[in-house]
Amino acid sequence: MSKVHNFSAGPAILPQSAIDASVEALQNFSGTGLSLIEVSHRSKEYEAVVNEATQLVKDILHLGDDYAVIFLQGGASLQFDMIPMNFLSPGKTAAYVNTGVWAGRAIKEAKMFGEVNVLASSEEKNFNYIPKDYTIPSDAAYYHCTSNNTIYGTEMFEFPESPVPMICDMSSDIFSRPFDATKFDMIYAGAQKNMGPAGTTLVIIKNSFLEKANAKVPTMLNYKIHVENGSMYNTPSVFAIFVCMHTLRWIKSIGLEAMEIRNKGKADMLYAEIDRNHLFVGTVAKEDRSRMNVNFVLNDKSQEEAFLKFCKERNLSGLKGHRSVGGLRASLYNALELESVAALVQAMQDFEKSTSIN
C-alpha cells in the first residue's frame, strides 16, 4: 500500500520508532513474555517506563526537581475541572483568556467552582487571532491560557509576564518548539496530538504551586495524591504512557531547537501555497497562524467536497475541518514529514490546474 499522509488533528501521527516499539511490546514487553497490555503496572519493568517518561519530560524542557511530572487520565478536559477544584479558593478569582473552543470550555468549567475573570477574548472575530492587550490582575488565584487552538488555527508564540501563577493548556503544541517552561507553574497536555496516543494526559506542576492546592478535593481529583503516588495511585494508561515514552525519546534525539526549524519549514511551505493559490484563503491573522493546525477554506465553498475527494485519491488524509467550523485543516504535528506537506501543496496546485481547465 502506498504511503498515507496523515494530517489528522488527533489522535495524530506518531513517529515510526514509537509505533514499531509498540508493536513489539504488544507481543513481548521487555522480555517478560507478556504483552504490554496485560503486564502488571506494578512490575519493575513497567515502573521503569513511567520513570523514564517522567524524566524525559524534565530533560526536554530543562526542568529540575522543583517540578513534578505526572500522567493522568480524562484528557485535558478533566483538567478544566481539576485546576479550579485544586487552586481556586473561596473568595479568589481566576483569570482566563478565551482563544477558542477549548479555552471556552475551560472557562465554563471553572465558573462552576468560583469567580472567573475573562481578561480578553477573540470570539468577536471567530477566534481568528490571539488577544494581546490585557493586564493580568495581581490578586488572581492564577492565570490560564491555551497556547494553540486546534479548531481555529491560532498559536501563542509569546507568553505574558504573569504576576500570579501561570497555567497553560499546551495539548497541541507541546514539544514543538523551545520555550521557557520555568515561567509556568503548571502545564498540561492531552497526549494525542504531539506526544502519543489518546488515553493519557501530561501534567507538570511546580512544587511550590502544588503546596497551595486545596486540601478538600476528592482523592482521584487531587493533584497531591497523584504526585505522591508517582502517577500510580490507580492503574495508569499503560499502553499510552509507553508510547509517550518512545515518542519522547524521539523528540529528545532531535531536540526542540531542531524541531522548531522542522515545524516552521512545514508550516511556511503550506501557508505560502495558501497565499499564492487563488482557490484558497487562510482564516487566521498572519502573525498568529499556528504551525500545528493550518486552517484554510476554498474561496468557492462548493468546491470543498471535490477537493477533499481529490486529496483522498492522493492518500492525503484528515484534511476536513472540525465539525464546528468546517473548511479545511492540515495538522502538521512533530512526526509529520516535510514530504507530506509537499504532497498536499502539489495536490493544491494540481487542483488549481484542473479547475482552470474545466
Protein backbone atom coordinates (compact mmCIF):
# COMPACT_ATOMS: atom_id res chain seq x y z
CA MET A 1 0.00 0.00 0.00
CA SER A 2 1.32 3.44 -0.89
CA LYS A 3 2.02 5.91 1.92
CA VAL A 4 -0.91 7.71 3.52
CA HIS A 5 -0.15 11.30 4.51
CA ASN A 6 -1.77 11.81 7.92
CA PHE A 7 -2.98 15.37 8.63
CA SER A 8 -5.38 14.33 11.40
CA ALA A 9 -5.81 16.75 14.29
CA GLY A 10 -5.88 13.89 16.77
CA PRO A 11 -5.43 11.14 17.50
CA ALA A 12 -2.48 12.21 15.41
CA ILE A 13 0.53 10.95 13.53
CA LEU A 14 3.31 9.35 15.61
CA PRO A 15 6.98 8.70 14.87
CA GLN A 16 7.57 5.31 13.26
CA SER A 17 10.02 4.36 16.01
CA ALA A 18 7.25 4.64 18.63
CA ILE A 19 4.86 2.56 16.54
CA ASP A 20 7.47 -0.14 15.92
CA ALA A 21 8.36 -0.34 19.61
CA SER A 22 4.67 -0.60 20.49
CA VAL A 23 4.07 -3.46 18.07
CA GLU A 24 6.98 -5.36 19.56
CA ALA A 25 5.86 -4.67 23.14
CA LEU A 26 2.34 -5.88 22.41
CA GLN A 27 3.88 -9.28 21.66
CA ASN A 28 6.58 -9.40 24.34
CA PHE A 29 7.12 -6.48 26.69
CA SER A 30 10.66 -6.01 27.99
CA GLY A 31 11.45 -9.73 27.85
CA THR A 32 8.63 -10.64 30.22
CA GLY A 33 6.91 -12.93 27.73
CA LEU A 34 3.75 -10.93 28.39
CA SER A 35 2.04 -8.35 26.25
CA LEU A 36 2.42 -4.72 27.30
CA ILE A 37 -1.36 -4.52 27.74
CA GLU A 38 -1.50 -7.47 30.14
CA VAL A 39 1.60 -6.88 32.27
CA SER A 40 1.22 -5.57 35.81
CA HIS A 41 1.62 -1.81 36.09
CA ARG A 42 3.35 -2.50 39.39
CA SER A 43 6.05 -4.63 37.80
CA LYS A 44 9.59 -3.28 37.86
CA GLU A 45 9.63 -3.40 34.04
CA TYR A 46 6.62 -1.09 33.73
CA GLU A 47 7.59 1.20 36.60
CA ALA A 48 10.78 1.82 34.62
CA VAL A 49 8.63 3.07 31.72
CA VAL A 50 6.82 5.65 33.87
CA ASN A 51 10.07 6.75 35.48
CA GLU A 52 11.80 7.21 32.13
CA ALA A 53 8.85 9.05 30.58
CA THR A 54 8.78 11.39 33.57
CA GLN A 55 12.49 12.11 33.36
CA LEU A 56 12.37 12.63 29.59
CA VAL A 57 9.79 15.39 30.05
CA LYS A 58 12.09 17.13 32.53
CA ASP A 59 15.14 16.65 30.32
CA ILE A 60 13.46 18.02 27.18
CA LEU A 61 12.01 21.06 28.98
CA HIS A 62 15.09 21.62 31.19
CA LEU A 63 13.14 21.26 34.43
CA GLY A 64 14.61 20.35 37.78
CA ASP A 65 13.33 18.63 40.88
CA ASP A 66 11.26 21.70 41.77
CA TYR A 67 8.69 20.38 39.26
CA ALA A 68 6.55 17.24 39.44
CA VAL A 69 5.54 15.33 36.31
CA ILE A 70 2.53 13.00 36.30
CA PHE A 71 0.44 11.14 33.75
CA LEU A 72 -3.32 11.20 34.35
CA GLN A 73 -6.48 10.14 32.53
CA GLY A 74 -9.58 12.01 31.43
CA GLY A 75 -7.87 14.13 28.77
CA ALA A 76 -7.17 17.83 29.02
CA SER A 77 -10.91 18.24 29.53
CA LEU A 78 -10.75 16.78 33.04
CA GLN A 79 -8.03 19.32 33.84
CA PHE A 80 -10.59 22.06 33.17
CA ASP A 81 -12.26 20.90 36.42
CA MET A 82 -9.25 19.72 38.41
CA ILE A 83 -7.48 23.06 38.13
CA PRO A 84 -10.18 25.20 39.78
CA MET A 85 -11.00 22.43 42.26
CA ASN A 86 -7.39 22.43 43.44
CA PHE A 87 -6.38 26.05 43.02
CA LEU A 88 -9.43 28.35 43.01
CA SER A 89 -10.01 29.07 46.68
CA PRO A 90 -13.22 30.65 48.03
CA GLY A 91 -13.15 34.41 47.69
CA LYS A 92 -10.49 34.32 44.96
CA THR A 93 -10.88 34.95 41.21
CA ALA A 94 -9.17 33.07 38.38
CA ALA A 95 -8.04 34.90 35.24
CA TYR A 96 -8.60 33.30 31.83
CA VAL A 97 -8.09 34.28 28.20
CA ASN A 98 -10.63 32.97 25.70
CA THR A 99 -8.97 31.99 22.41
CA GLY A 100 -11.36 29.31 21.18
CA VAL A 101 -13.45 26.26 21.94
CA TRP A 102 -11.11 24.57 24.42
CA ALA A 103 -10.30 27.77 26.27
CA GLY A 104 -14.04 28.46 26.38
CA ARG A 105 -14.73 25.07 27.88
CA ALA A 106 -12.04 25.60 30.50
CA ILE A 107 -13.73 28.89 31.43
CA LYS A 108 -17.16 27.27 31.59
CA GLU A 109 -15.94 24.55 33.96
CA ALA A 110 -14.01 26.96 36.18
CA LYS A 111 -17.16 29.03 36.71
CA MET A 112 -18.71 26.04 38.46
CA PHE A 113 -16.14 26.35 41.24
CA GLY A 114 -15.63 30.07 41.69
CA GLU A 115 -15.30 33.51 40.16
CA VAL A 116 -13.70 33.79 36.73
CA ASN A 117 -12.38 36.96 35.12
CA VAL A 118 -12.18 36.62 31.33
CA LEU A 119 -9.40 39.09 30.60
CA ALA A 120 -9.73 39.02 26.82
CA SER A 121 -11.44 37.13 24.03
CA SER A 122 -11.17 36.88 20.25
CA GLU A 123 -14.67 35.47 19.88
CA GLU A 124 -15.96 38.58 18.10
CA LYS A 125 -13.75 37.69 15.12
CA ASN A 126 -14.45 33.96 15.24
CA PHE A 127 -11.23 33.35 17.19
CA ASN A 128 -9.01 34.20 14.22
CA TYR A 129 -6.37 35.98 16.33
CA ILE A 130 -4.71 35.84 19.76
CA PRO A 131 -5.69 38.70 22.14
CA LYS A 132 -2.64 40.59 23.37
CA ASP A 133 -3.69 43.84 25.05
CA TYR A 134 -4.76 42.84 28.53
CA THR A 135 -3.44 43.03 32.07
CA ILE A 136 -3.27 40.08 34.43
CA PRO A 137 -4.60 41.12 37.88
CA SER A 138 -2.04 40.71 40.64
CA ASP A 139 -4.67 39.35 43.02
CA ALA A 140 -5.87 36.49 40.76
CA ALA A 141 -5.55 32.92 42.03
CA TYR A 142 -3.91 32.01 38.74
CA TYR A 143 -3.80 32.96 35.06
CA HIS A 144 -4.84 30.36 32.47
CA CYS A 145 -4.18 30.35 28.73
CA THR A 146 -4.36 27.89 25.83
CA SER A 147 -1.21 28.03 23.73
CA ASN A 148 -2.57 26.54 20.50
CA ASN A 149 -6.11 26.45 19.16
CA THR A 150 -6.60 23.25 17.19
CA ILE A 151 -10.04 24.16 15.90
CA TYR A 152 -9.44 27.72 14.68
CA GLY A 153 -5.70 27.50 14.00
CA THR A 154 -4.09 30.16 16.18
CA GLU A 155 -0.97 29.84 18.35
CA MET A 156 0.65 31.87 21.12
CA PHE A 157 4.31 32.39 20.25
CA GLU A 158 4.96 34.64 23.23
CA PHE A 159 3.61 34.39 26.76
CA PRO A 160 2.92 37.31 29.10
CA GLU A 161 4.85 38.07 32.24
CA SER A 162 2.40 36.99 34.91
CA PRO A 163 2.34 38.37 38.46
CA VAL A 164 0.39 35.28 39.52
CA PRO A 165 0.84 31.52 38.88
CA MET A 166 0.58 30.82 35.15
CA ILE A 167 -1.15 27.70 33.84
CA CYS A 168 -1.18 26.68 30.19
CA ASP A 169 -3.02 24.06 28.18
CA MET A 170 -0.37 23.01 25.65
CA SER A 171 -2.20 19.98 24.30
CA SER A 172 -1.49 20.58 20.64
CA ASP A 173 1.88 22.34 20.51
CA ILE A 174 3.89 20.99 23.43
CA PHE A 175 7.39 19.84 22.42
CA SER A 176 7.04 21.57 19.04
CA ARG A 177 9.49 24.39 19.84
CA PRO A 178 11.72 25.67 22.63
CA PHE A 179 10.13 27.78 25.36
CA ASP A 180 10.94 28.69 28.94
CA ALA A 181 8.93 26.14 30.90
CA THR A 182 10.09 27.65 34.18
CA LYS A 183 7.79 30.63 33.55
CA PHE A 184 4.85 28.32 34.21
CA ASP A 185 3.54 26.96 37.47
CA MET A 186 1.54 24.31 35.63
CA ILE A 187 1.45 22.91 32.11
CA TYR A 188 -0.91 20.22 30.90
CA ALA A 189 -1.42 18.46 27.60
CA GLY A 190 -3.54 15.66 26.23
CA ALA A 191 -1.13 13.18 24.67
CA GLN A 192 -2.92 12.55 21.41
CA LYS A 193 -1.55 15.49 19.42
CA ASN A 194 2.23 15.69 19.69
CA MET A 195 3.19 13.16 22.31
CA GLY A 196 1.42 9.82 21.99
CA PRO A 197 -1.93 8.09 21.54
CA ALA A 198 -5.19 9.01 23.23
CA GLY A 199 -5.54 7.78 26.80
CA THR A 200 -3.20 9.81 28.98
CA THR A 201 -2.62 13.45 29.87
CA LEU A 202 0.68 15.00 30.85
CA VAL A 203 0.61 17.32 33.86
CA ILE A 204 3.62 19.34 35.02
CA ILE A 205 3.30 21.23 38.31
CA LYS A 206 5.77 23.38 40.19
CA ASN A 207 6.10 22.04 43.71
CA SER A 208 5.66 25.46 45.31
CA PHE A 209 2.36 25.87 43.46
CA LEU A 210 1.24 22.38 44.41
CA GLU A 211 1.66 23.30 48.06
CA LYS A 212 -1.12 25.88 47.61
CA ALA A 213 -3.66 23.29 46.45
CA ASN A 214 -6.93 22.95 48.32
CA ALA A 215 -6.92 20.11 50.84
CA LYS A 216 -10.58 19.10 50.49
CA VAL A 217 -10.63 17.66 47.00
CA PRO A 218 -11.89 14.16 46.08
CA THR A 219 -8.98 11.75 46.05
CA MET A 220 -8.95 10.98 42.32
CA LEU A 221 -9.07 14.71 41.50
CA ASN A 222 -6.34 15.69 43.95
CA TYR A 223 -3.01 16.56 42.30
CA LYS A 224 -1.08 15.95 45.53
CA ILE A 225 -2.30 12.36 45.69
CA HIS A 226 -1.21 11.64 42.11
CA VAL A 227 2.18 13.30 42.61
CA GLU A 228 2.80 11.45 45.87
CA ASN A 229 2.00 8.16 44.13
CA GLY A 230 4.06 8.83 41.01
CA SER A 231 1.13 8.52 38.56
CA MET A 232 0.32 5.14 40.13
CA TYR A 233 -2.48 5.89 42.60
CA ASN A 234 -4.79 3.95 40.29
CA THR A 235 -3.98 1.84 37.23
CA PRO A 236 -2.44 4.24 34.70
CA SER A 237 -2.95 4.17 30.93
CA VAL A 238 -0.26 1.57 30.46
CA PHE A 239 -0.13 1.49 26.66
CA ALA A 240 -0.47 5.26 26.16
CA ILE A 241 2.37 6.10 28.57
CA PHE A 242 4.62 3.51 26.92
CA VAL A 243 4.08 5.09 23.51
CA CYS A 244 4.64 8.54 25.02
CA MET A 245 7.97 7.34 26.38
CA HIS A 246 9.15 6.27 22.94
CA THR A 247 7.83 9.46 21.34
CA LEU A 248 9.67 11.49 23.98
CA ARG A 249 12.86 9.56 23.23
CA TRP A 250 12.43 10.55 19.59
CA ILE A 251 11.78 14.19 20.47
CA LYS A 252 14.84 14.32 22.72
CA SER A 253 17.02 12.81 19.98
CA ILE A 254 16.02 15.68 17.67
CA GLY A 255 15.92 18.48 20.24
CA LEU A 256 13.38 21.30 20.46
CA GLU A 257 15.56 23.78 18.57
CA ALA A 258 15.78 21.46 15.55
CA MET A 259 12.12 20.52 15.97
CA GLU A 260 11.11 24.16 15.65
CA ILE A 261 13.12 24.55 12.43
CA ARG A 262 11.45 21.41 11.09
CA ASN A 263 7.95 22.57 12.06
CA LYS A 264 8.42 26.12 10.82
CA GLY A 265 9.59 24.78 7.47
CA LYS A 266 6.46 22.69 7.05
CA ALA A 267 4.12 25.50 8.07
CA ASP A 268 5.86 28.09 5.90
CA MET A 269 5.60 25.83 2.86
CA LEU A 270 1.86 25.30 3.28
CA TYR A 271 0.99 28.90 4.17
CA ALA A 272 2.96 30.12 1.14
CA GLU A 273 0.82 27.96 -1.13
CA ILE A 274 -2.41 29.08 0.56
CA ASP A 275 -1.41 32.70 -0.01
CA ARG A 276 -0.34 32.05 -3.62
CA ASN A 277 -3.19 29.84 -4.81
CA HIS A 278 -6.28 31.83 -5.81
CA LEU A 279 -8.56 28.91 -4.86
CA PHE A 280 -7.69 29.03 -1.17
CA VAL A 281 -7.64 31.58 1.63
CA GLY A 282 -6.27 31.40 5.16
CA THR A 283 -8.65 32.11 8.03
CA VAL A 284 -6.23 33.38 10.71
CA ALA A 285 -4.37 36.65 11.27
CA LYS A 286 -0.92 36.05 9.79
CA GLU A 287 1.04 36.87 12.94
CA ASP A 288 -0.97 34.27 14.90
CA ARG A 289 -1.02 31.44 12.37
CA SER A 290 -0.49 28.12 14.08
CA ARG A 291 2.37 25.90 12.94
CA MET A 292 0.48 22.89 14.23
CA ASN A 293 -3.00 23.37 12.76
CA VAL A 294 -3.28 25.18 9.45
CA ASN A 295 -6.86 26.32 8.80
CA PHE A 296 -7.99 27.45 5.37
CA VAL A 297 -11.03 27.45 3.12
CA LEU A 298 -11.81 27.39 -0.56
CA ASN A 299 -12.96 30.70 -1.97
CA ASP A 300 -15.72 28.74 -3.66
CA LYS A 301 -17.19 26.60 -0.89
CA SER A 302 -19.00 24.43 -3.43
CA GLN A 303 -15.59 23.02 -4.45
CA GLU A 304 -14.77 21.75 -0.96
CA GLU A 305 -16.07 18.19 -1.34
CA ALA A 306 -14.43 17.87 -4.74
CA PHE A 307 -11.09 18.98 -3.29
CA LEU A 308 -11.34 16.56 -0.35
CA LYS A 309 -12.09 13.75 -2.80
CA PHE A 310 -9.13 14.90 -4.91
CA CYS A 311 -6.93 14.67 -1.80
CA LYS A 312 -8.25 11.28 -0.75
CA GLU A 313 -7.34 9.86 -4.17
CA ARG A 314 -3.78 11.03 -3.46
CA ASN A 315 -3.67 9.42 0.02
CA LEU A 316 -3.96 12.75 1.83
CA SER A 317 -5.97 12.01 4.97
CA GLY A 318 -7.57 14.04 7.78
CA LEU A 319 -7.98 17.38 6.00
CA LYS A 320 -11.62 18.10 6.76
CA GLY A 321 -12.03 20.97 9.21
CA HIS A 322 -13.53 20.50 12.66
CA ARG A 323 -17.26 19.81 12.52
CA SER A 324 -17.98 23.08 14.35
CA VAL A 325 -16.26 25.33 11.81
CA GLY A 326 -15.98 23.37 8.55
CA GLY A 327 -13.45 24.28 5.89
CA LEU A 328 -10.06 22.58 5.75
CA ARG A 329 -7.44 21.88 8.38
CA ALA A 330 -3.99 20.38 7.96
CA SER A 331 -2.38 19.38 11.24
CA LEU A 332 1.39 19.47 10.99
CA TYR A 333 2.44 17.83 14.23
CA ASN A 334 6.04 16.90 15.01
CA ALA A 335 6.03 13.47 13.39
CA LEU A 336 4.63 14.64 10.05
CA GLU A 337 7.36 14.70 7.42
CA LEU A 338 8.02 17.56 5.01
CA GLU A 339 7.27 15.23 2.10
CA SER A 340 3.65 15.01 3.29
CA VAL A 341 3.28 18.79 3.20
CA ALA A 342 4.88 18.81 -0.23
CA ALA A 343 2.31 16.23 -1.37
CA LEU A 344 -0.52 18.44 -0.12
CA VAL A 345 0.92 21.51 -1.82
CA GLN A 346 1.21 19.55 -5.07
CA ALA A 347 -2.42 18.48 -4.75
CA MET A 348 -3.48 22.10 -4.26
CA GLN A 349 -1.56 23.12 -7.36
CA ASP A 350 -2.94 20.23 -9.40
CA PHE A 351 -6.48 21.04 -8.27
CA GLU A 352 -5.93 24.65 -9.31
CA LYS A 353 -4.87 23.49 -12.77
CA SER A 354 -7.80 21.10 -13.09
CA THR A 355 -10.34 23.79 -12.23
CA SER A 356 -8.82 26.24 -14.70
CA ILE A 357 -9.06 23.62 -17.44
CA ASN A 358 -12.66 22.90 -16.59
